[in-house]
C-alpha atoms as a PDB file:
ATOM      1  CA  MET A   1       5.507 125.151 160.082  1.00  0.00           C
ATOM      2  CA  THR A   2       5.899 127.028 163.353  1.00  0.00           C
ATOM      3  CA  ARG A   3       8.191 125.728 166.033  1.00  0.00           C
ATOM      4  CA  PRO A   4       6.865 125.616 169.640  1.00  0.00           C
ATOM      5  CA  THR A   5       8.618 128.079 171.891  1.00  0.00           C
ATOM      6  CA  GLY A   6       9.258 128.418 175.586  1.00  0.00           C
ATOM      7  CA  ALA A   7       9.282 125.732 178.282  1.00  0.00           C
ATOM      8  CA  HIS A   8       6.282 123.910 176.832  1.00  0.00           C
ATOM      9  CA  GLY A   9       7.895 123.768 173.389  1.00  0.00           C
ATOM     10  CA  SER A  10      11.163 122.533 174.887  1.00  0.00           C
ATOM     11  CA  SER A  11       9.369 119.828 176.874  1.00  0.00           C
ATOM     12  CA  LEU A  12       7.395 118.738 173.817  1.00  0.00           C
ATOM     13  CA  ARG A  13      10.550 118.550 171.741  1.00  0.00           C
ATOM     14  CA  GLU A  14      12.351 116.473 174.344  1.00  0.00           C
ATOM     15  CA  ARG A  15       9.468 114.033 174.758  1.00  0.00           C
ATOM     16  CA  LEU A  16       9.103 113.575 171.029  1.00  0.00           C
ATOM     17  CA  GLY A  17      12.844 113.391 170.472  1.00  0.00           C
ATOM     18  CA  ASP A  18      13.380 110.887 173.277  1.00  0.00           C
ATOM     19  CA  SER A  19      10.576 108.713 171.923  1.00  0.00           C
ATOM     20  CA  LEU A  20      11.994 108.750 168.394  1.00  0.00           C
ATOM     21  CA  PHE A  21      15.520 108.112 169.609  1.00  0.00           C
ATOM     22  CA  ALA A  22      14.369 105.159 171.745  1.00  0.00           C
ATOM     23  CA  ARG A  23      12.619 103.623 168.747  1.00  0.00           C
ATOM     24  CA  VAL A  24      15.569 104.023 166.416  1.00  0.00           C
ATOM     25  CA  ALA A  25      18.482 103.420 168.806  1.00  0.00           C
ATOM     26  CA  GLY A  26      16.917 100.980 171.277  1.00  0.00           C
ATOM     27  CA  PRO A  27      17.221 100.759 175.074  1.00  0.00           C
ATOM     28  CA  ASP A  28      21.017 101.004 174.940  1.00  0.00           C
ATOM     29  CA  GLY A  29      20.900 104.068 172.705  1.00  0.00           C
ATOM     30  CA  PRO A  30      22.124 106.665 175.247  1.00  0.00           C
ATOM     31  CA  GLN A  31      25.044 104.479 176.330  1.00  0.00           C
ATOM     32  CA  ASN A  32      25.953 103.643 172.735  1.00  0.00           C
ATOM     33  CA  ARG A  33      25.800 107.311 171.758  1.00  0.00           C
ATOM     34  CA  ALA A  34      28.097 108.286 174.612  1.00  0.00           C
ATOM     35  CA  ARG A  35      30.561 105.523 173.720  1.00  0.00           C
ATOM     36  CA  ILE A  36      30.526 106.223 169.972  1.00  0.00           C
ATOM     37  CA  HIS A  37      31.071 109.955 170.287  1.00  0.00           C
ATOM     38  CA  GLY A  38      33.037 110.025 173.534  1.00  0.00           C
ATOM     39  CA  THR A  39      35.706 107.396 172.977  1.00  0.00           C
ATOM     40  CA  PRO A  40      38.981 109.066 171.946  1.00  0.00           C
ATOM     41  CA  GLY A  41      40.918 107.885 168.943  1.00  0.00           C
ATOM     42  CA  PRO A  42      41.225 108.323 165.179  1.00  0.00           C
ATOM     43  CA  ARG A  43      38.080 108.069 163.062  1.00  0.00           C
ATOM     44  CA  TRP A  44      37.499 106.877 159.511  1.00  0.00           C
ATOM     45  CA  PHE A  45      35.775 110.177 158.773  1.00  0.00           C
ATOM     46  CA  GLY A  46      36.683 113.619 160.038  1.00  0.00           C
ATOM     47  CA  PRO A  47      34.112 116.233 161.103  1.00  0.00           C
ATOM     48  CA  ASP A  48      34.065 117.840 157.656  1.00  0.00           C
ATOM     49  CA  ARG A  49      33.289 114.669 155.676  1.00  0.00           C
ATOM     50  CA  PRO A  50      29.946 114.553 153.789  1.00  0.00           C
ATOM     51  CA  VAL A  51      29.042 111.130 155.201  1.00  0.00           C
ATOM     52  CA  ARG A  52      28.671 112.715 158.637  1.00  0.00           C
ATOM     53  CA  ARG A  53      26.265 115.328 157.319  1.00  0.00           C
ATOM     54  CA  VAL A  54      24.146 112.814 155.422  1.00  0.00           C
ATOM     55  CA  HIS A  55      23.939 110.121 158.096  1.00  0.00           C
ATOM     56  CA  GLY A  56      23.219 112.651 160.833  1.00  0.00           C
ATOM     57  CA  ASP A  57      20.225 114.216 159.081  1.00  0.00           C
ATOM     58  CA  ALA A  58      16.540 113.378 159.569  1.00  0.00           C
ATOM     59  CA  SER A  59      16.237 112.679 155.839  1.00  0.00           C
ATOM     60  CA  MET A  60      17.673 109.244 156.663  1.00  0.00           C
ATOM     61  CA  PHE A  61      14.219 108.175 157.859  1.00  0.00           C
ATOM     62  CA  ILE A  62      12.943 108.457 154.282  1.00  0.00           C
ATOM     63  CA  GLY A  63      16.180 107.258 152.728  1.00  0.00           C
ATOM     64  CA  GLY A  64      16.241 104.140 154.886  1.00  0.00           C
ATOM     65  CA  LEU A  65      12.712 103.118 153.934  1.00  0.00           C
ATOM     66  CA  SER A  66      13.407 103.756 150.273  1.00  0.00           C
ATOM     67  CA  ALA A  67      16.609 101.696 150.470  1.00  0.00           C
ATOM     68  CA  LEU A  68      14.719  98.704 151.880  1.00  0.00           C
ATOM     69  CA  LEU A  69      12.215  98.865 149.037  1.00  0.00           C
ATOM     70  CA  LEU A  70      14.951  99.147 146.421  1.00  0.00           C
ATOM     71  CA  GLN A  71      17.060  96.360 147.943  1.00  0.00           C
ATOM     72  CA  SER A  72      14.065  94.007 147.902  1.00  0.00           C
ATOM     73  CA  LEU A  73      14.175  93.915 144.094  1.00  0.00           C
ATOM     74  CA  HIS A  74      17.133  91.536 144.061  1.00  0.00           C
ATOM     75  CA  PRO A  75      15.532  88.088 144.469  1.00  0.00           C
ATOM     76  CA  LEU A  76      18.530  86.540 146.221  1.00  0.00           C
ATOM     77  CA  ALA A  77      18.973  89.453 148.630  1.00  0.00           C
ATOM     78  CA  MET A  78      15.238  89.406 149.343  1.00  0.00           C
ATOM     79  CA  ALA A  79      15.273  85.657 149.976  1.00  0.00           C
ATOM     80  CA  ALA A  80      18.132  86.037 152.465  1.00  0.00           C
ATOM     81  CA  VAL A  81      16.370  88.855 154.320  1.00  0.00           C
ATOM     82  CA  SER A  82      13.049  87.034 154.365  1.00  0.00           C
ATOM     83  CA  ALA A  83      14.506  83.787 155.677  1.00  0.00           C
ATOM     84  CA  HIS A  84      17.120  85.056 158.106  1.00  0.00           C
ATOM     85  CA  SER A  85      16.674  88.664 159.241  1.00  0.00           C
ATOM     86  CA  GLY A  86      13.500  88.334 161.321  1.00  0.00           C
ATOM     87  CA  PHE A  87      12.451  91.824 160.255  1.00  0.00           C
ATOM     88  CA  ARG A  88       8.750  90.976 160.480  1.00  0.00           C
ATOM     89  CA  GLY A  89       8.991  89.540 163.974  1.00  0.00           C
ATOM     90  CA  ASP A  90      11.346  92.219 165.278  1.00  0.00           C
ATOM     91  CA  PRO A  91      11.411  95.157 162.840  1.00  0.00           C
ATOM     92  CA  TRP A  92      12.473  97.668 165.475  1.00  0.00           C
ATOM     93  CA  GLY A  93      15.323  95.453 166.614  1.00  0.00           C
ATOM     94  CA  ARG A  94      16.623  95.240 163.049  1.00  0.00           C
ATOM     95  CA  LEU A  95      16.329  99.002 162.653  1.00  0.00           C
ATOM     96  CA  GLN A  96      18.187  99.554 165.913  1.00  0.00           C
ATOM     97  CA  ARG A  97      21.030  97.259 164.914  1.00  0.00           C
ATOM     98  CA  THR A  98      21.310  98.963 161.541  1.00  0.00           C
ATOM     99  CA  SER A  99      21.250 102.476 163.004  1.00  0.00           C
ATOM    100  CA  THR A 100      23.898 101.530 165.560  1.00  0.00           C
ATOM    101  CA  PHE A 101      26.119 100.103 162.816  1.00  0.00           C
ATOM    102  CA  LEU A 102      25.770 103.299 160.771  1.00  0.00           C
ATOM    103  CA  ALA A 103      26.566 105.416 163.826  1.00  0.00           C
ATOM    104  CA  VAL A 104      29.641 103.377 164.753  1.00  0.00           C
ATOM    105  CA  THR A 105      31.117 103.343 161.244  1.00  0.00           C
ATOM    106  CA  THR A 106      30.311 107.016 160.604  1.00  0.00           C
ATOM    107  CA  TYR A 107      31.228 108.608 163.936  1.00  0.00           C
ATOM    108  CA  GLY A 108      33.027 105.983 166.028  1.00  0.00           C
ATOM    109  CA  THR A 109      36.705 105.236 166.353  1.00  0.00           C
ATOM    110  CA  ALA A 110      38.489 103.421 163.541  1.00  0.00           C
ATOM    111  CA  ASP A 111      38.913 100.362 165.770  1.00  0.00           C
ATOM    112  CA  SER A 112      35.206 100.298 166.606  1.00  0.00           C
ATOM    113  CA  ALA A 113      34.273 100.700 162.944  1.00  0.00           C
ATOM    114  CA  ARG A 114      36.484  97.790 161.908  1.00  0.00           C
ATOM    115  CA  GLU A 115      35.087  95.605 164.674  1.00  0.00           C
ATOM    116  CA  ALA A 116      31.507  96.440 163.637  1.00  0.00           C
ATOM    117  CA  CYS A 117      32.248  95.494 160.022  1.00  0.00           C
ATOM    118  CA  ASP A 118      33.943  92.265 161.113  1.00  0.00           C
ATOM    119  CA  ARG A 119      30.852  91.306 163.146  1.00  0.00           C
ATOM    120  CA  VAL A 120      28.572  91.900 160.168  1.00  0.00           C
ATOM    121  CA  ARG A 121      30.841  89.837 157.925  1.00  0.00           C
ATOM    122  CA  ALA A 122      30.747  86.984 160.437  1.00  0.00           C
ATOM    123  CA  VAL A 123      26.942  87.067 160.418  1.00  0.00           C
ATOM    124  CA  HIS A 124      26.853  87.138 156.612  1.00  0.00           C
ATOM    125  CA  GLU A 125      29.007  83.993 156.485  1.00  0.00           C
ATOM    126  CA  GLN A 126      26.237  82.087 158.298  1.00  0.00           C
ATOM    127  CA  VAL A 127      23.394  83.316 156.082  1.00  0.00           C
ATOM    128  CA  ARG A 128      22.863  80.948 153.188  1.00  0.00           C
ATOM    129  CA  GLY A 129      20.029  78.970 151.690  1.00  0.00           C
ATOM    130  CA  ILE A 130      18.027  78.161 148.576  1.00  0.00           C
ATOM    131  CA  THR A 131      15.222  80.220 147.055  1.00  0.00           C
ATOM    132  CA  GLY A 132      11.841  78.795 146.163  1.00  0.00           C
ATOM    133  CA  ASP A 133      12.950  78.232 142.580  1.00  0.00           C
ATOM    134  CA  GLY A 134      16.069  76.330 143.684  1.00  0.00           C
ATOM    135  CA  THR A 135      18.682  79.076 143.361  1.00  0.00           C
ATOM    136  CA  PRO A 136      21.305  79.033 146.135  1.00  0.00           C
ATOM    137  CA  TYR A 137      22.268  82.257 147.891  1.00  0.00           C
ATOM    138  CA  HIS A 138      24.935  83.306 150.367  1.00  0.00           C
ATOM    139  CA  ALA A 139      24.872  86.697 152.098  1.00  0.00           C
ATOM    140  CA  SER A 140      28.642  87.045 151.810  1.00  0.00           C
ATOM    141  CA  ASP A 141      28.427  86.781 148.005  1.00  0.00           C
ATOM    142  CA  PRO A 142      30.246  89.929 146.792  1.00  0.00           C
ATOM    143  CA  ARG A 143      27.591  90.457 144.126  1.00  0.00           C
ATOM    144  CA  LEU A 144      24.806  90.629 146.722  1.00  0.00           C
ATOM    145  CA  LEU A 145      26.891  92.789 149.045  1.00  0.00           C
ATOM    146  CA  GLY A 146      27.494  95.150 146.149  1.00  0.00           C
ATOM    147  CA  TRP A 147      23.783  95.507 145.419  1.00  0.00           C
ATOM    148  CA  VAL A 148      22.912  96.234 149.052  1.00  0.00           C
ATOM    149  CA  HIS A 149      25.631  98.875 149.198  1.00  0.00           C
ATOM    150  CA  LEU A 150      24.608 100.546 145.938  1.00  0.00           C
ATOM    151  CA  ALA A 151      20.941 100.670 146.911  1.00  0.00           C
ATOM    152  CA  GLU A 152      21.719 102.170 150.321  1.00  0.00           C
ATOM    153  CA  THR A 153      24.175 104.741 149.025  1.00  0.00           C
ATOM    154  CA  ASP A 154      21.864 105.872 146.227  1.00  0.00           C
ATOM    155  CA  SER A 155      18.799 106.047 148.493  1.00  0.00           C
ATOM    156  CA  PHE A 156      20.535 107.889 151.324  1.00  0.00           C
ATOM    157  CA  LEU A 157      22.016 110.415 148.916  1.00  0.00           C
ATOM    158  CA  ARG A 158      18.728 110.942 147.048  1.00  0.00           C
ATOM    159  CA  ALA A 159      16.908 111.511 150.340  1.00  0.00           C
ATOM    160  CA  HIS A 160      19.474 113.981 151.589  1.00  0.00           C
ATOM    161  CA  GLN A 161      19.480 115.990 148.391  1.00  0.00           C
ATOM    162  CA  ARG A 162      15.690 116.267 148.461  1.00  0.00           C
ATOM    163  CA  TYR A 163      14.933 116.555 152.198  1.00  0.00           C
ATOM    164  CA  GLY A 164      18.235 117.301 153.930  1.00  0.00           C
ATOM    165  CA  ALA A 165      18.762 120.490 155.894  1.00  0.00           C
ATOM    166  CA  ARG A 166      21.920 121.262 153.908  1.00  0.00           C
ATOM    167  CA  PRO A 167      22.050 119.455 150.548  1.00  0.00           C
ATOM    168  CA  LEU A 168      25.500 118.616 149.265  1.00  0.00           C
ATOM    169  CA  SER A 169      27.230 120.282 146.358  1.00  0.00           C
ATOM    170  CA  GLY A 170      28.134 118.184 143.336  1.00  0.00           C
ATOM    171  CA  ALA A 171      31.679 117.640 144.577  1.00  0.00           C
ATOM    172  CA  GLU A 172      30.376 116.768 148.043  1.00  0.00           C
ATOM    173  CA  CYS A 173      27.987 114.206 146.545  1.00  0.00           C
ATOM    174  CA  ASP A 174      30.945 112.478 144.907  1.00  0.00           C
ATOM    175  CA  ALA A 175      32.843 112.661 148.191  1.00  0.00           C
ATOM    176  CA  TYR A 176      29.884 111.056 149.999  1.00  0.00           C
ATOM    177  CA  VAL A 177      29.960 108.126 147.578  1.00  0.00           C
ATOM    178  CA  ALA A 178      33.703 107.826 148.184  1.00  0.00           C
ATOM    179  CA  ASP A 179      33.158 107.904 151.962  1.00  0.00           C
ATOM    180  CA  THR A 180      30.648 105.053 151.831  1.00  0.00           C
ATOM    181  CA  ALA A 181      33.064 103.045 149.708  1.00  0.00           C
ATOM    182  CA  ARG A 182      35.433 102.807 152.659  1.00  0.00           C
ATOM    183  CA  VAL A 183      32.791 101.027 154.727  1.00  0.00           C
ATOM    184  CA  ALA A 184      31.775  98.873 151.765  1.00  0.00           C
ATOM    185  CA  VAL A 185      35.314  97.580 151.294  1.00  0.00           C
ATOM    186  CA  ALA A 186      35.476  96.659 154.986  1.00  0.00           C
ATOM    187  CA  LEU A 187      32.234  94.682 154.522  1.00  0.00           C
ATOM    188  CA  GLY A 188      33.625  92.737 151.571  1.00  0.00           C
ATOM    189  CA  VAL A 189      32.310  94.723 148.595  1.00  0.00           C
ATOM    190  CA  PRO A 190      34.830  94.550 145.723  1.00  0.00           C
ATOM    191  CA  ASP A 191      35.559  97.808 143.923  1.00  0.00           C
ATOM    192  CA  PRO A 192      32.624  99.929 145.188  1.00  0.00           C
ATOM    193  CA  PRO A 193      31.827 103.190 143.375  1.00  0.00           C
ATOM    194  CA  THR A 194      33.687 106.312 144.440  1.00  0.00           C
ATOM    195  CA  ASP A 195      31.604 108.972 142.667  1.00  0.00           C
ATOM    196  CA  ARG A 196      28.073 109.507 141.315  1.00  0.00           C
ATOM    197  CA  ALA A 197      28.906 108.382 137.782  1.00  0.00           C
ATOM    198  CA  GLU A 198      30.233 105.056 139.035  1.00  0.00           C
ATOM    199  CA  LEU A 199      27.241 104.729 141.359  1.00  0.00           C
ATOM    200  CA  ALA A 200      24.784 105.201 138.483  1.00  0.00           C
ATOM    201  CA  ALA A 201      26.719 102.767 136.291  1.00  0.00           C
ATOM    202  CA  GLY A 202      26.785 100.199 139.090  1.00  0.00           C
ATOM    203  CA  LEU A 203      23.029 100.409 139.638  1.00  0.00           C
ATOM    204  CA  ASN A 204      22.388 100.057 135.912  1.00  0.00           C
ATOM    205  CA  ALA A 205      24.597  96.974 135.760  1.00  0.00           C
ATOM    206  CA  TYR A 206      22.201  95.142 138.112  1.00  0.00           C
ATOM    207  CA  ARG A 207      19.017  95.868 136.151  1.00  0.00           C
ATOM    208  CA  GLY A 208      18.975  92.469 134.458  1.00  0.00           C
ATOM    209  CA  GLU A 209      19.010  90.708 137.847  1.00  0.00           C
ATOM    210  CA  LEU A 210      16.217  92.700 139.466  1.00  0.00           C
ATOM    211  CA  ARG A 211      12.561  91.823 139.696  1.00  0.00           C
ATOM    212  CA  ALA A 212       9.781  92.044 142.240  1.00  0.00           C
ATOM    213  CA  THR A 213       9.141  88.602 143.710  1.00  0.00           C
ATOM    214  CA  ALA A 214       6.109  87.773 145.833  1.00  0.00           C
ATOM    215  CA  GLU A 215       8.362  88.236 148.874  1.00  0.00           C
ATOM    216  CA  ALA A 216       9.408  91.701 147.691  1.00  0.00           C
ATOM    217  CA  ARG A 217       5.807  92.829 147.210  1.00  0.00           C
ATOM    218  CA  ALA A 218       4.839  91.392 150.594  1.00  0.00           C
ATOM    219  CA  THR A 219       7.696  93.344 152.154  1.00  0.00           C
ATOM    220  CA  ALA A 220       6.486  96.530 150.455  1.00  0.00           C
ATOM    221  CA  ARG A 221       2.962  95.958 151.817  1.00  0.00           C
ATOM    222  CA  PHE A 222       4.373  95.392 155.296  1.00  0.00           C
ATOM    223  CA  LEU A 223       6.539  98.510 155.234  1.00  0.00           C
ATOM    224  CA  LEU A 224       3.942 100.784 153.627  1.00  0.00           C
ATOM    225  CA  LEU A 225       0.547  99.495 154.770  1.00  0.00           C
ATOM    226  CA  GLU A 226       1.137  97.424 157.913  1.00  0.00           C
ATOM    227  CA  PRO A 227       3.878  99.300 159.784  1.00  0.00           C
ATOM    228  CA  PRO A 228       4.559  98.289 163.405  1.00  0.00           C
ATOM    229  CA  VAL A 229       3.980 101.812 164.724  1.00  0.00           C
ATOM    230  CA  PRO A 230       1.489 103.147 167.290  1.00  0.00           C
ATOM    231  CA  LEU A 231      -1.819 104.452 165.965  1.00  0.00           C
ATOM    232  CA  VAL A 232      -0.864 108.033 166.810  1.00  0.00           C
ATOM    233  CA  ALA A 233       2.211 107.750 164.561  1.00  0.00           C
ATOM    234  CA  ARG A 234       0.438 106.259 161.543  1.00  0.00           C
ATOM    235  CA  VAL A 235      -0.146 109.568 159.754  1.00  0.00           C
ATOM    236  CA  PRO A 236       3.435 110.924 159.962  1.00  0.00           C
ATOM    237  CA  TYR A 237       4.784 107.453 159.165  1.00  0.00           C
ATOM    238  CA  GLY A 238       2.466 107.316 156.160  1.00  0.00           C
ATOM    239  CA  VAL A 239       3.909 110.605 154.936  1.00  0.00           C
ATOM    240  CA  LEU A 240       7.459 109.275 155.286  1.00  0.00           C
ATOM    241  CA  ALA A 241       6.471 106.042 153.509  1.00  0.00           C
ATOM    242  CA  ALA A 242       4.833 107.905 150.621  1.00  0.00           C
ATOM    243  CA  ASN A 243       7.992 109.943 150.196  1.00  0.00           C
ATOM    244  CA  ALA A 244      10.129 106.788 150.290  1.00  0.00           C
ATOM    245  CA  VAL A 245       8.114 105.549 147.307  1.00  0.00           C
ATOM    246  CA  SER A 246       8.407 108.944 145.611  1.00  0.00           C
ATOM    247  CA  LEU A 247      12.185 108.737 146.022  1.00  0.00           C
ATOM    248  CA  LEU A 248      12.487 105.402 144.173  1.00  0.00           C
ATOM    249  CA  PRO A 249      13.635 105.319 140.564  1.00  0.00           C
ATOM    250  CA  SER A 250      10.507 105.145 138.419  1.00  0.00           C
ATOM    251  CA  TRP A 251      11.347 101.655 137.140  1.00  0.00           C
ATOM    252  CA  ALA A 252      11.677 100.342 140.706  1.00  0.00           C
ATOM    253  CA  ALA A 253       8.307 101.747 141.784  1.00  0.00           C
ATOM    254  CA  ALA A 254       6.684 100.247 138.694  1.00  0.00           C
ATOM    255  CA  GLU A 255       8.271  96.841 139.356  1.00  0.00           C
ATOM    256  CA  LEU A 256       6.868  96.850 142.905  1.00  0.00           C
ATOM    257  CA  ARG A 257       3.475  98.032 141.576  1.00  0.00           C
ATOM    258  CA  LEU A 258       3.587 101.125 143.754  1.00  0.00           C
ATOM    259  CA  PRO A 259       1.460 103.901 142.259  1.00  0.00           C
ATOM    260  CA  ARG A 260       3.022 107.299 141.707  1.00  0.00           C
ATOM    261  CA  LEU A 261       1.197 110.325 140.345  1.00  0.00           C
ATOM    262  CA  PRO A 262       3.590 113.162 139.406  1.00  0.00           C
ATOM    263  CA  LEU A 263       1.025 115.896 140.108  1.00  0.00           C
ATOM    264  CA  VAL A 264       0.154 114.473 143.540  1.00  0.00           C
ATOM    265  CA  ASP A 265       3.845 113.971 144.280  1.00  0.00           C
ATOM    266  CA  GLY A 266       4.674 117.570 143.477  1.00  0.00           C
ATOM    267  CA  LEU A 267       1.701 119.219 145.177  1.00  0.00           C
ATOM    268  CA  PHE A 268       1.283 117.071 148.284  1.00  0.00           C
ATOM    269  CA  VAL A 269       3.704 114.194 148.874  1.00  0.00           C
ATOM    270  CA  ARG A 270       7.018 116.046 148.704  1.00  0.00           C
ATOM    271  CA  PRO A 271       5.908 119.168 150.628  1.00  0.00           C
ATOM    272  CA  LEU A 272       4.455 116.995 153.382  1.00  0.00           C
ATOM    273  CA  GLY A 273       7.625 114.911 153.412  1.00  0.00           C
ATOM    274  CA  GLY A 274       9.714 118.041 153.876  1.00  0.00           C
ATOM    275  CA  ALA A 275       7.450 119.188 156.702  1.00  0.00           C
ATOM    276  CA  VAL A 276       7.525 115.890 158.603  1.00  0.00           C
ATOM    277  CA  THR A 277      11.295 115.598 158.135  1.00  0.00           C
ATOM    278  CA  SER A 278      11.684 119.107 159.560  1.00  0.00           C
ATOM    279  CA  VAL A 279       9.663 118.123 162.634  1.00  0.00           C
ATOM    280  CA  VAL A 280      11.797 115.012 163.139  1.00  0.00           C
ATOM    281  CA  ARG A 281      14.952 117.094 162.765  1.00  0.00           C
ATOM    282  CA  TRP A 282      13.657 119.642 165.292  1.00  0.00           C
ATOM    283  CA  ALA A 283      12.708 116.914 167.768  1.00  0.00           C
ATOM    284  CA  LEU A 284      16.076 115.150 167.551  1.00  0.00           C
ATOM    285  CA  ALA A 285      18.187 118.308 167.779  1.00  0.00           C
ATOM    286  CA  PRO A 286      20.419 118.284 170.871  1.00  0.00           C
ATOM    287  CA  SER A 287      18.845 120.142 173.784  1.00  0.00           C
ATOM    288  CA  ARG A 288      20.565 121.587 176.814  1.00  0.00           C
ATOM    289  CA  SER A 289      19.061 118.995 179.160  1.00  0.00           C
ATOM    290  CA  ARG A 290      20.099 116.122 176.895  1.00  0.00           C
ATOM    291  CA  LEU A 291      23.644 117.438 176.707  1.00  0.00           C
ATOM    292  CA  HIS A 292      23.661 117.884 180.479  1.00  0.00           C
ATOM    293  CA  SER A 293      22.461 114.337 181.105  1.00  0.00           C
ATOM    294  CA  ALA A 294      25.020 112.973 178.642  1.00  0.00           C
ATOM    295  CA  VAL A 295      27.823 114.708 180.526  1.00  0.00           C
ATOM    296  CA  GLU A 296      26.582 113.362 183.816  1.00  0.00           C
END
């Protein structure tokens, strides 16, 4: 895929990048970015840590969608999201809050990261209820927190290794899992995995609890077939969504009744996913004018 050059290409990149950033980061995105990166102080993760490479890459667009699909397979987690998150009424707001949390804990000061985790824990304490079959749930339940963490970590890492600009080495993959464990502990997850072997074992340990409820399948339809995106963005979003499904473990896709054809995946879905991710990465790359405006 050719990259536009010259003033027109630069202007196109900035318009596209600004539009994407506004969607993902919200109206306070520029101010939050300046505060997160500009505030002096120690960080949880230094510049060389794998978590910074993974969370700063455009592959997160696919990884995030795939994580939502995977997380929905825990009936109690899905019930809590369905009843309390408001993702259908304000999906972009939820995305913006999540992206800001990831940015603060990955790149912000240690104090800011701790405060962000404390706020999330306070919200989780208020989220409780009963499922349709009479099972109680509480978002601060360590078992549910553990599932959400495992699904995110696995999905983000899978996406980066397939679509990232610079995939991690084996040792770096283990280090990424260890990095995410630091945030998980601050959120109340007991004994999170610290390498890929523990991550795989943790995911497998949940298999008996996972199933696709009617709410989970409705969420999949909403995310994949009824996305709240402008008409002009439907095709690239559809490519990202198809790749989010392709990224799922085969058992998870089957549980959600999401069709996957290996030949189609290999010939069309993955190449298109790589192409769209490259465009997103190009659009969001820092430009001279953006850096200038940030300084001002």
